């Protein structure tokens, strides 16, 4: 966290990505590979058999997962993690949210970990500049497709955006809004990888624009539960279009702790569309 010299009222945490060591990075990569392999195996099993999944195994897995989460909470987190996991589970039953999640990736840049999302079938990915800044080795992990190497094709540090290109094709992607249009307190959804979880869906509202002394243009201020790891999360409106990219949190004198997002208009201005 740091305080801008010219903005003593706004305390911003731009480092919403996760710092991880080499061993943990390897574990994340292996986990993403394992998920992709496991999904493929399960799909094959479903096609070859119609035997029902034993209920006792389901409940055993559920109990083990809950036990593991509760066990790490006191040592790792000081926020209501169970609440946002529950919210994500509820939102993920919606077919649209499921589709959105397919296009949201884990961005692994050096020893940092953040969020990004595909904006075209050819693997063009949008994320925050501070997630990949100064990093030479970058990879992105899709929920179903697995892990891919990526290169930086555009960097726009003045608006904290970066464009990556994954080595592949036929990727799921999110559609961008033509412009950042919204109503006050409009409902939004966002998906990211907070607190070392992946593919967490959540929701909130748009408060309006916020002018920061360190920025030449105003940014979006969100009433939403945004945590470390949400850097690069897409802000999705009710029409299913991305209108912003999460990049920080702020302690506002009036609203309290809020999220900040880069309006999608700034992306268009930089790429010349």
C-alpha atoms as a PDB file:
ATOM      1  CA  UNK A   1       0.000   0.000   0.000  1.00  0.00           C
ATOM      2  CA  UNK A   2       1.196   3.504  -0.616  1.00  0.00           C
ATOM      3  CA  UNK A   3      -0.085   7.045  -0.432  1.00  0.00           C
ATOM      4  CA  UNK A   4       0.250   9.397  -3.371  1.00  0.00           C
ATOM      5  CA  UNK A   5       2.218  12.562  -2.567  1.00  0.00           C
ATOM      6  CA  UNK A   6      -0.490  14.770  -4.066  1.00  0.00           C
ATOM      7  CA  UNK A   7      -3.467  12.788  -2.817  1.00  0.00           C
ATOM      8  CA  UNK A   8      -3.377  12.449   0.957  1.00  0.00           C
ATOM      9  CA  UNK A   9      -7.047  11.471   1.113  1.00  0.00           C
ATOM     10  CA  UNK A  10      -6.766   8.444  -1.170  1.00  0.00           C
ATOM     11  CA  UNK A  11      -4.847   5.369  -0.032  1.00  0.00           C
ATOM     12  CA  UNK A  12      -4.463   2.936  -2.877  1.00  0.00           C
ATOM     13  CA  UNK A  13      -3.279  -0.649  -2.999  1.00  0.00           C
ATOM     14  CA  UNK A  14      -2.254  -1.247  -6.602  1.00  0.00           C
ATOM     15  CA  UNK A  15      -0.498  -4.512  -5.809  1.00  0.00           C
ATOM     16  CA  UNK A  16      -3.537  -6.722  -6.074  1.00  0.00           C
ATOM     17  CA  UNK A  17      -1.502  -9.489  -7.625  1.00  0.00           C
ATOM     18  CA  UNK A  18      -0.016 -12.336  -5.597  1.00  0.00           C
ATOM     19  CA  UNK A  19       3.709 -12.705  -4.939  1.00  0.00           C
ATOM     20  CA  UNK A  20       4.706 -16.370  -4.992  1.00  0.00           C
ATOM     21  CA  UNK A  21       7.986 -18.239  -4.763  1.00  0.00           C
ATOM     22  CA  UNK A  22       9.439 -20.632  -7.362  1.00  0.00           C
ATOM     23  CA  UNK A  23       8.183 -23.742  -5.605  1.00  0.00           C
ATOM     24  CA  UNK A  24       4.665 -22.380  -5.354  1.00  0.00           C
ATOM     25  CA  UNK A  25       4.740 -21.297  -9.002  1.00  0.00           C
ATOM     26  CA  UNK A  26       5.579 -24.855 -10.052  1.00  0.00           C
ATOM     27  CA  UNK A  27       2.751 -26.142  -7.889  1.00  0.00           C
ATOM     28  CA  UNK A  28       0.288 -23.760  -9.564  1.00  0.00           C
ATOM     29  CA  UNK A  29       1.435 -24.801 -13.034  1.00  0.00           C
ATOM     30  CA  UNK A  30       1.194 -28.484 -12.166  1.00  0.00           C
ATOM     31  CA  UNK A  31      -2.235 -27.935 -10.623  1.00  0.00           C
ATOM     32  CA  UNK A  32      -3.545 -26.277 -13.790  1.00  0.00           C
ATOM     33  CA  UNK A  33      -2.181 -29.147 -15.878  1.00  0.00           C
ATOM     34  CA  UNK A  34      -3.739 -31.652 -13.490  1.00  0.00           C
ATOM     35  CA  UNK A  35      -7.131 -29.895 -13.722  1.00  0.00           C
ATOM     36  CA  UNK A  36      -7.058 -30.041 -17.514  1.00  0.00           C
ATOM     37  CA  UNK A  37      -6.050 -33.732 -17.471  1.00  0.00           C
ATOM     38  CA  UNK A  38      -8.644 -34.598 -14.849  1.00  0.00           C
ATOM     39  CA  UNK A  39     -11.435 -32.871 -16.780  1.00  0.00           C
ATOM     40  CA  UNK A  40     -10.486 -34.748 -19.936  1.00  0.00           C
ATOM     41  CA  UNK A  41     -10.427 -38.038 -18.013  1.00  0.00           C
ATOM     42  CA  UNK A  42     -13.801 -37.381 -16.432  1.00  0.00           C
ATOM     43  CA  UNK A  43     -15.328 -36.453 -19.787  1.00  0.00           C
ATOM     44  CA  UNK A  44     -14.127 -39.761 -21.199  1.00  0.00           C
ATOM     45  CA  UNK A  45     -15.539 -41.675 -18.228  1.00  0.00           C
ATOM     46  CA  UNK A  46     -18.910 -39.963 -18.630  1.00  0.00           C
ATOM     47  CA  UNK A  47     -19.027 -41.031 -22.250  1.00  0.00           C
ATOM     48  CA  UNK A  48     -18.136 -44.631 -21.411  1.00  0.00           C
ATOM     49  CA  UNK A  49     -20.427 -45.218 -18.437  1.00  0.00           C
ATOM     50  CA  UNK A  50     -23.718 -44.019 -17.043  1.00  0.00           C
ATOM     51  CA  UNK A  51     -23.248 -45.339 -13.526  1.00  0.00           C
ATOM     52  CA  UNK A  52     -24.337 -42.749 -10.943  1.00  0.00           C
ATOM     53  CA  UNK A  53     -21.644 -41.080  -8.856  1.00  0.00           C
ATOM     54  CA  UNK A  54     -21.822 -42.500  -5.292  1.00  0.00           C
ATOM     55  CA  UNK A  55     -23.322 -39.900  -2.978  1.00  0.00           C
ATOM     56  CA  UNK A  56     -21.073 -40.887  -0.069  1.00  0.00           C
ATOM     57  CA  UNK A  57     -17.991 -39.966  -2.120  1.00  0.00           C
ATOM     58  CA  UNK A  58     -19.495 -36.572  -2.976  1.00  0.00           C
ATOM     59  CA  UNK A  59     -20.148 -35.779   0.675  1.00  0.00           C
ATOM     60  CA  UNK A  60     -16.715 -37.046   1.702  1.00  0.00           C
ATOM     61  CA  UNK A  61     -15.046 -34.717  -0.804  1.00  0.00           C
ATOM     62  CA  UNK A  62     -17.245 -31.808   0.275  1.00  0.00           C
ATOM     63  CA  UNK A  63     -16.397 -32.337   3.954  1.00  0.00           C
ATOM     64  CA  UNK A  64     -12.679 -32.587   3.170  1.00  0.00           C
ATOM     65  CA  UNK A  65     -12.770 -29.367   1.131  1.00  0.00           C
ATOM     66  CA  UNK A  66     -14.576 -27.443   3.862  1.00  0.00           C
ATOM     67  CA  UNK A  67     -12.201 -28.813   6.500  1.00  0.00           C
ATOM     68  CA  UNK A  68      -9.155 -27.768   4.478  1.00  0.00           C
ATOM     69  CA  UNK A  69     -10.494 -24.248   3.879  1.00  0.00           C
ATOM     70  CA  UNK A  70     -11.323 -23.746   7.560  1.00  0.00           C
ATOM     71  CA  UNK A  71      -7.909 -25.072   8.576  1.00  0.00           C
ATOM     72  CA  UNK A  72      -6.005 -22.462   6.561  1.00  0.00           C
ATOM     73  CA  UNK A  73      -8.213 -19.466   7.330  1.00  0.00           C
ATOM     74  CA  UNK A  74      -6.656 -18.482  10.679  1.00  0.00           C
ATOM     75  CA  UNK A  75      -3.127 -18.590   9.254  1.00  0.00           C
ATOM     76  CA  UNK A  76      -3.759 -16.980   5.890  1.00  0.00           C
ATOM     77  CA  UNK A  77      -6.758 -14.680   5.769  1.00  0.00           C
ATOM     78  CA  UNK A  78      -8.446 -12.061   7.936  1.00  0.00           C
ATOM     79  CA  UNK A  79     -11.578 -11.642   5.768  1.00  0.00           C
ATOM     80  CA  UNK A  80     -14.815 -13.630   5.390  1.00  0.00           C
ATOM     81  CA  UNK A  81     -13.461 -16.022   2.759  1.00  0.00           C
ATOM     82  CA  UNK A  82     -16.314 -18.471   3.229  1.00  0.00           C
ATOM     83  CA  UNK A  83     -18.784 -15.716   2.275  1.00  0.00           C
ATOM     84  CA  UNK A  84     -17.221 -14.940  -1.084  1.00  0.00           C
ATOM     85  CA  UNK A  85     -16.711 -18.632  -1.831  1.00  0.00           C
ATOM     86  CA  UNK A  86     -20.415 -19.168  -1.170  1.00  0.00           C
ATOM     87  CA  UNK A  87     -21.322 -16.202  -3.371  1.00  0.00           C
ATOM     88  CA  UNK A  88     -19.112 -17.537  -6.154  1.00  0.00           C
ATOM     89  CA  UNK A  89     -20.680 -20.981  -5.915  1.00  0.00           C
ATOM     90  CA  UNK A  90     -24.173 -19.483  -6.143  1.00  0.00           C
ATOM     91  CA  UNK A  91     -23.302 -17.227  -9.079  1.00  0.00           C
ATOM     92  CA  UNK A  92     -21.553 -20.075 -10.884  1.00  0.00           C
ATOM     93  CA  UNK A  93     -24.825 -21.967 -11.227  1.00  0.00           C
ATOM     94  CA  UNK A  94     -25.817 -19.331 -13.800  1.00  0.00           C
ATOM     95  CA  UNK A  95     -25.013 -20.410 -17.353  1.00  0.00           C
ATOM     96  CA  UNK A  96     -23.813 -16.937 -18.322  1.00  0.00           C
ATOM     97  CA  UNK A  97     -21.378 -16.743 -15.402  1.00  0.00           C
ATOM     98  CA  UNK A  98     -20.094 -20.203 -16.302  1.00  0.00           C
ATOM     99  CA  UNK A  99     -19.407 -18.975 -19.812  1.00  0.00           C
ATOM    100  CA  UNK A 100     -17.653 -15.854 -18.562  1.00  0.00           C
ATOM    101  CA  UNK A 101     -15.411 -17.915 -16.283  1.00  0.00           C
ATOM    102  CA  UNK A 102     -14.159 -19.962 -19.233  1.00  0.00           C
ATOM    103  CA  UNK A 103     -12.461 -16.838 -20.641  1.00  0.00           C
ATOM    104  CA  UNK A 104     -10.823 -15.658 -17.395  1.00  0.00           C
ATOM    105  CA  UNK A 105      -7.219 -16.750 -16.899  1.00  0.00           C
ATOM    106  CA  UNK A 106      -4.551 -16.955 -14.238  1.00  0.00           C
ATOM    107  CA  UNK A 107      -1.626 -14.778 -15.325  1.00  0.00           C
ATOM    108  CA  UNK A 108       1.704 -16.128 -14.087  1.00  0.00           C
ATOM    109  CA  UNK A 109       4.412 -13.508 -14.576  1.00  0.00           C
ATOM    110  CA  UNK A 110       7.736 -14.319 -12.970  1.00  0.00           C
ATOM    111  CA  UNK A 111       6.898 -14.829  -9.323  1.00  0.00           C
ATOM    112  CA  UNK A 112       3.623 -12.901  -9.380  1.00  0.00           C
ATOM    113  CA  UNK A 113       0.122 -14.130 -10.027  1.00  0.00           C
ATOM    114  CA  UNK A 114      -2.853 -12.100 -11.201  1.00  0.00           C
ATOM    115  CA  UNK A 115      -5.923 -12.224 -13.399  1.00  0.00           C
ATOM    116  CA  UNK A 116      -6.524 -11.611 -17.082  1.00  0.00           C
ATOM    117  CA  UNK A 117      -9.226 -12.378 -19.601  1.00  0.00           C
ATOM    118  CA  UNK A 118      -9.346 -13.334 -23.261  1.00  0.00           C
ATOM    119  CA  UNK A 119     -10.953 -10.762 -25.572  1.00  0.00           C
ATOM    120  CA  UNK A 120     -10.699 -12.683 -28.851  1.00  0.00           C
ATOM    121  CA  UNK A 121     -10.625 -16.225 -30.145  1.00  0.00           C
ATOM    122  CA  UNK A 122      -6.950 -15.915 -31.116  1.00  0.00           C
ATOM    123  CA  UNK A 123      -5.840 -15.636 -27.470  1.00  0.00           C
ATOM    124  CA  UNK A 124      -5.527 -11.870 -27.076  1.00  0.00           C
ATOM    125  CA  UNK A 125      -5.643 -11.247 -23.332  1.00  0.00           C
ATOM    126  CA  UNK A 126      -6.166  -8.066 -21.350  1.00  0.00           C
ATOM    127  CA  UNK A 127      -4.671  -7.606 -17.870  1.00  0.00           C
ATOM    128  CA  UNK A 128      -3.050  -4.940 -15.700  1.00  0.00           C
ATOM    129  CA  UNK A 129       0.369  -3.585 -16.570  1.00  0.00           C
ATOM    130  CA  UNK A 130       1.581  -3.909 -12.983  1.00  0.00           C
ATOM    131  CA  UNK A 131       0.932  -7.668 -13.101  1.00  0.00           C
ATOM    132  CA  UNK A 132       3.460  -8.235 -15.895  1.00  0.00           C
ATOM    133  CA  UNK A 133       5.750  -5.222 -15.453  1.00  0.00           C
ATOM    134  CA  UNK A 134       9.408  -6.170 -15.844  1.00  0.00           C
ATOM    135  CA  UNK A 135       8.653  -9.878 -16.190  1.00  0.00           C
ATOM    136  CA  UNK A 136      10.318 -11.942 -18.939  1.00  0.00           C
ATOM    137  CA  UNK A 137       8.490 -15.242 -18.581  1.00  0.00           C
ATOM    138  CA  UNK A 138       4.703 -15.075 -18.747  1.00  0.00           C
ATOM    139  CA  UNK A 139       2.120 -17.847 -18.930  1.00  0.00           C
ATOM    140  CA  UNK A 140      -1.660 -17.894 -18.808  1.00  0.00           C
ATOM    141  CA  UNK A 141      -3.847 -20.722 -17.560  1.00  0.00           C
ATOM    142  CA  UNK A 142      -7.381 -21.172 -18.905  1.00  0.00           C
ATOM    143  CA  UNK A 143      -9.852 -23.169 -16.756  1.00  0.00           C
ATOM    144  CA  UNK A 144     -10.421 -25.847 -19.405  1.00  0.00           C
ATOM    145  CA  UNK A 145      -7.712 -25.403 -22.042  1.00  0.00           C
ATOM    146  CA  UNK A 146      -4.802 -25.456 -19.587  1.00  0.00           C
ATOM    147  CA  UNK A 147      -1.507 -23.553 -19.537  1.00  0.00           C
ATOM    148  CA  UNK A 148      -0.061 -21.548 -22.440  1.00  0.00           C
ATOM    149  CA  UNK A 149       2.994 -19.389 -22.925  1.00  0.00           C
ATOM    150  CA  UNK A 150       2.189 -15.730 -23.571  1.00  0.00           C
ATOM    151  CA  UNK A 151       4.012 -12.668 -24.805  1.00  0.00           C
ATOM    152  CA  UNK A 152       3.397  -8.986 -24.154  1.00  0.00           C
ATOM    153  CA  UNK A 153       2.237  -7.240 -27.333  1.00  0.00           C
ATOM    154  CA  UNK A 154       1.199  -3.866 -25.851  1.00  0.00           C
ATOM    155  CA  UNK A 155       1.981  -2.042 -22.606  1.00  0.00           C
ATOM    156  CA  UNK A 156       0.077   1.011 -21.410  1.00  0.00           C
ATOM    157  CA  UNK A 157       1.456   1.777 -17.936  1.00  0.00           C
ATOM    158  CA  UNK A 158      -0.213   5.194 -17.784  1.00  0.00           C
ATOM    159  CA  UNK A 159      -3.608   3.452 -17.602  1.00  0.00           C
ATOM    160  CA  UNK A 160      -2.294   0.243 -16.009  1.00  0.00           C
ATOM    161  CA  UNK A 161      -3.221  -2.019 -18.925  1.00  0.00           C
ATOM    162  CA  UNK A 162      -1.286  -4.615 -20.877  1.00  0.00           C
ATOM    163  CA  UNK A 163      -2.210  -6.825 -23.818  1.00  0.00           C
ATOM    164  CA  UNK A 164      -0.871 -10.383 -24.020  1.00  0.00           C
ATOM    165  CA  UNK A 165      -1.027 -12.992 -26.751  1.00  0.00           C
ATOM    166  CA  UNK A 166      -1.352 -16.665 -25.820  1.00  0.00           C
ATOM    167  CA  UNK A 167       0.258 -19.249 -28.083  1.00  0.00           C
ATOM    168  CA  UNK A 168      -2.805 -21.032 -29.443  1.00  0.00           C
ATOM    169  CA  UNK A 169      -6.205 -20.499 -31.027  1.00  0.00           C
ATOM    170  CA  UNK A 170      -9.932 -21.137 -30.621  1.00  0.00           C
ATOM    171  CA  UNK A 171     -10.001 -19.728 -27.096  1.00  0.00           C
ATOM    172  CA  UNK A 172     -13.171 -18.715 -25.251  1.00  0.00           C
ATOM    173  CA  UNK A 173     -13.415 -14.945 -24.879  1.00  0.00           C
ATOM    174  CA  UNK A 174     -15.422 -12.087 -23.417  1.00  0.00           C
ATOM    175  CA  UNK A 175     -16.980  -9.344 -25.491  1.00  0.00           C
ATOM    176  CA  UNK A 176     -16.021  -5.749 -24.756  1.00  0.00           C
ATOM    177  CA  UNK A 177     -18.614  -3.000 -24.476  1.00  0.00           C
ATOM    178  CA  UNK A 178     -18.401  -0.369 -27.204  1.00  0.00           C
ATOM    179  CA  UNK A 179     -17.913   2.237 -24.482  1.00  0.00           C
ATOM    180  CA  UNK A 180     -17.987   2.547 -20.717  1.00  0.00           C
ATOM    181  CA  UNK A 181     -21.666   3.341 -20.219  1.00  0.00           C
ATOM    182  CA  UNK A 182     -23.440   2.696 -16.920  1.00  0.00           C
ATOM    183  CA  UNK A 183     -26.107   3.934 -14.563  1.00  0.00           C
ATOM    184  CA  UNK A 184     -25.331   4.916 -10.989  1.00  0.00           C
ATOM    185  CA  UNK A 185     -25.441   1.847  -8.692  1.00  0.00           C
ATOM    186  CA  UNK A 186     -25.735  -0.442 -11.713  1.00  0.00           C
ATOM    187  CA  UNK A 187     -25.178  -4.103 -10.936  1.00  0.00           C
ATOM    188  CA  UNK A 188     -21.938  -5.652 -12.204  1.00  0.00           C
ATOM    189  CA  UNK A 189     -20.172  -9.017 -12.032  1.00  0.00           C
ATOM    190  CA  UNK A 190     -16.461  -9.688 -11.942  1.00  0.00           C
ATOM    191  CA  UNK A 191     -14.326 -12.817 -12.006  1.00  0.00           C
ATOM    192  CA  UNK A 192     -10.776 -13.274 -10.791  1.00  0.00           C
ATOM    193  CA  UNK A 193      -8.247 -15.199  -8.758  1.00  0.00           C
ATOM    194  CA  UNK A 194      -8.273 -13.597  -5.297  1.00  0.00           C
ATOM    195  CA  UNK A 195      -6.351 -14.933  -2.318  1.00  0.00           C
ATOM    196  CA  UNK A 196      -4.872 -17.873  -4.264  1.00  0.00           C
ATOM    197  CA  UNK A 197      -8.279 -19.185  -5.288  1.00  0.00           C
ATOM    198  CA  UNK A 198      -9.055 -19.379  -9.008  1.00  0.00           C
ATOM    199  CA  UNK A 199     -12.139 -18.513 -11.042  1.00  0.00           C
ATOM    200  CA  UNK A 200     -13.987 -16.748  -8.235  1.00  0.00           C
ATOM    201  CA  UNK A 201     -17.130 -14.960  -9.427  1.00  0.00           C
ATOM    202  CA  UNK A 202     -18.510 -12.069  -7.430  1.00  0.00           C
ATOM    203  CA  UNK A 203     -20.794  -9.099  -7.814  1.00  0.00           C
ATOM    204  CA  UNK A 204     -21.211  -5.482  -6.814  1.00  0.00           C
ATOM    205  CA  UNK A 205     -22.316  -2.061  -7.992  1.00  0.00           C
ATOM    206  CA  UNK A 206     -20.783   0.862  -9.843  1.00  0.00           C
ATOM    207  CA  UNK A 207     -20.665   3.933  -7.624  1.00  0.00           C
ATOM    208  CA  UNK A 208     -19.428   6.258 -10.348  1.00  0.00           C
ATOM    209  CA  UNK A 209     -16.194   7.891 -11.495  1.00  0.00           C
ATOM    210  CA  UNK A 210     -13.320   8.801  -9.181  1.00  0.00           C
ATOM    211  CA  UNK A 211     -10.569  11.266 -10.068  1.00  0.00           C
ATOM    212  CA  UNK A 212      -7.170  10.308  -8.652  1.00  0.00           C
ATOM    213  CA  UNK A 213      -4.422  12.895  -8.438  1.00  0.00           C
ATOM    214  CA  UNK A 214      -1.973  10.403  -9.914  1.00  0.00           C
ATOM    215  CA  UNK A 215      -4.150   9.821 -13.024  1.00  0.00           C
ATOM    216  CA  UNK A 216      -4.979  12.208 -15.839  1.00  0.00           C
ATOM    217  CA  UNK A 217      -8.388  10.594 -16.343  1.00  0.00           C
ATOM    218  CA  UNK A 218     -11.034   9.385 -13.869  1.00  0.00           C
ATOM    219  CA  UNK A 219     -11.436   5.695 -13.048  1.00  0.00           C
ATOM    220  CA  UNK A 220     -14.451   3.614 -12.064  1.00  0.00           C
ATOM    221  CA  UNK A 221     -15.224   3.243  -8.374  1.00  0.00           C
ATOM    222  CA  UNK A 222     -16.930  -0.020  -7.405  1.00  0.00           C
ATOM    223  CA  UNK A 223     -18.775  -1.156  -4.335  1.00  0.00           C
ATOM    224  CA  UNK A 224     -17.515  -4.730  -4.490  1.00  0.00           C
ATOM    225  CA  UNK A 225     -15.507  -7.299  -2.481  1.00  0.00           C
ATOM    226  CA  UNK A 226     -12.165  -7.017  -4.285  1.00  0.00           C
ATOM    227  CA  UNK A 227      -9.046  -8.625  -2.825  1.00  0.00           C
ATOM    228  CA  UNK A 228      -5.420  -9.347  -3.608  1.00  0.00           C
ATOM    229  CA  UNK A 229      -5.293 -11.439  -6.779  1.00  0.00           C
ATOM    230  CA  UNK A 230      -8.168  -9.586  -8.485  1.00  0.00           C
ATOM    231  CA  UNK A 231      -5.806  -7.403 -10.538  1.00  0.00           C
ATOM    232  CA  UNK A 232      -6.925  -7.734 -14.152  1.00  0.00           C
ATOM    233  CA  UNK A 233     -10.432  -8.986 -13.391  1.00  0.00           C
ATOM    234  CA  UNK A 234     -13.071  -8.039 -15.984  1.00  0.00           C
ATOM    235  CA  UNK A 235     -15.970  -5.855 -14.835  1.00  0.00           C
ATOM    236  CA  UNK A 236     -19.012  -7.213 -16.669  1.00  0.00           C
ATOM    237  CA  UNK A 237     -22.310  -5.361 -17.028  1.00  0.00           C
ATOM    238  CA  UNK A 238     -25.785  -6.895 -17.172  1.00  0.00           C
ATOM    239  CA  UNK A 239     -25.558  -7.129 -20.965  1.00  0.00           C
ATOM    240  CA  UNK A 240     -22.550  -9.431 -20.634  1.00  0.00           C
ATOM    241  CA  UNK A 241     -20.041  -6.842 -21.879  1.00  0.00           C
ATOM    242  CA  UNK A 242     -16.777  -5.856 -20.223  1.00  0.00           C
ATOM    243  CA  UNK A 243     -16.795  -2.185 -19.256  1.00  0.00           C
ATOM    244  CA  UNK A 244     -13.687  -2.075 -17.079  1.00  0.00           C
ATOM    245  CA  UNK A 245     -10.634  -3.836 -15.653  1.00  0.00           C
ATOM    246  CA  UNK A 246     -10.036  -4.026 -11.889  1.00  0.00           C
ATOM    247  CA  UNK A 247      -6.645  -2.622 -10.870  1.00  0.00           C
ATOM    248  CA  UNK A 248      -6.734  -1.510  -7.231  1.00  0.00           C
ATOM    249  CA  UNK A 249      -8.648  -0.836  -4.043  1.00  0.00           C
ATOM    250  CA  UNK A 250      -9.039   2.507  -2.306  1.00  0.00           C
ATOM    251  CA  UNK A 251     -10.105   3.797   1.081  1.00  0.00           C
ATOM    252  CA  UNK A 252     -12.520   6.554   0.221  1.00  0.00           C
ATOM    253  CA  UNK A 253     -13.566   9.061   2.877  1.00  0.00           C
ATOM    254  CA  UNK A 254     -17.232   8.733   1.951  1.00  0.00           C
ATOM    255  CA  UNK A 255     -17.650   5.192   0.582  1.00  0.00           C
ATOM    256  CA  UNK A 256     -15.038   3.376   2.681  1.00  0.00           C
ATOM    257  CA  UNK A 257     -13.055   0.597   1.016  1.00  0.00           C
ATOM    258  CA  UNK A 258     -13.943   0.384  -2.669  1.00  0.00           C
ATOM    259  CA  UNK A 259     -12.582  -1.215  -5.821  1.00  0.00           C
ATOM    260  CA  UNK A 260     -11.100   0.735  -8.719  1.00  0.00           C
ATOM    261  CA  UNK A 261     -11.315  -0.232 -12.381  1.00  0.00           C
ATOM    262  CA  UNK A 262      -9.872   1.114 -15.625  1.00  0.00           C
ATOM    263  CA  UNK A 263     -12.723   2.104 -17.980  1.00  0.00           C
ATOM    264  CA  UNK A 264     -12.640   0.068 -21.201  1.00  0.00           C
ATOM    265  CA  UNK A 265     -12.681   3.370 -23.103  1.00  0.00           C
ATOM    266  CA  UNK A 266      -8.999   3.827 -22.208  1.00  0.00           C
ATOM    267  CA  UNK A 267      -8.125   0.531 -23.872  1.00  0.00           C
ATOM    268  CA  UNK A 268      -9.785   1.680 -27.097  1.00  0.00           C
ATOM    269  CA  UNK A 269      -7.960   5.012 -26.930  1.00  0.00           C
ATOM    270  CA  UNK A 270      -4.601   3.271 -26.628  1.00  0.00           C
ATOM    271  CA  UNK A 271      -5.088   0.691 -29.369  1.00  0.00           C
ATOM    272  CA  UNK A 272      -6.618   3.270 -31.704  1.00  0.00           C
ATOM    273  CA  UNK A 273     -10.093   1.721 -32.098  1.00  0.00           C
END
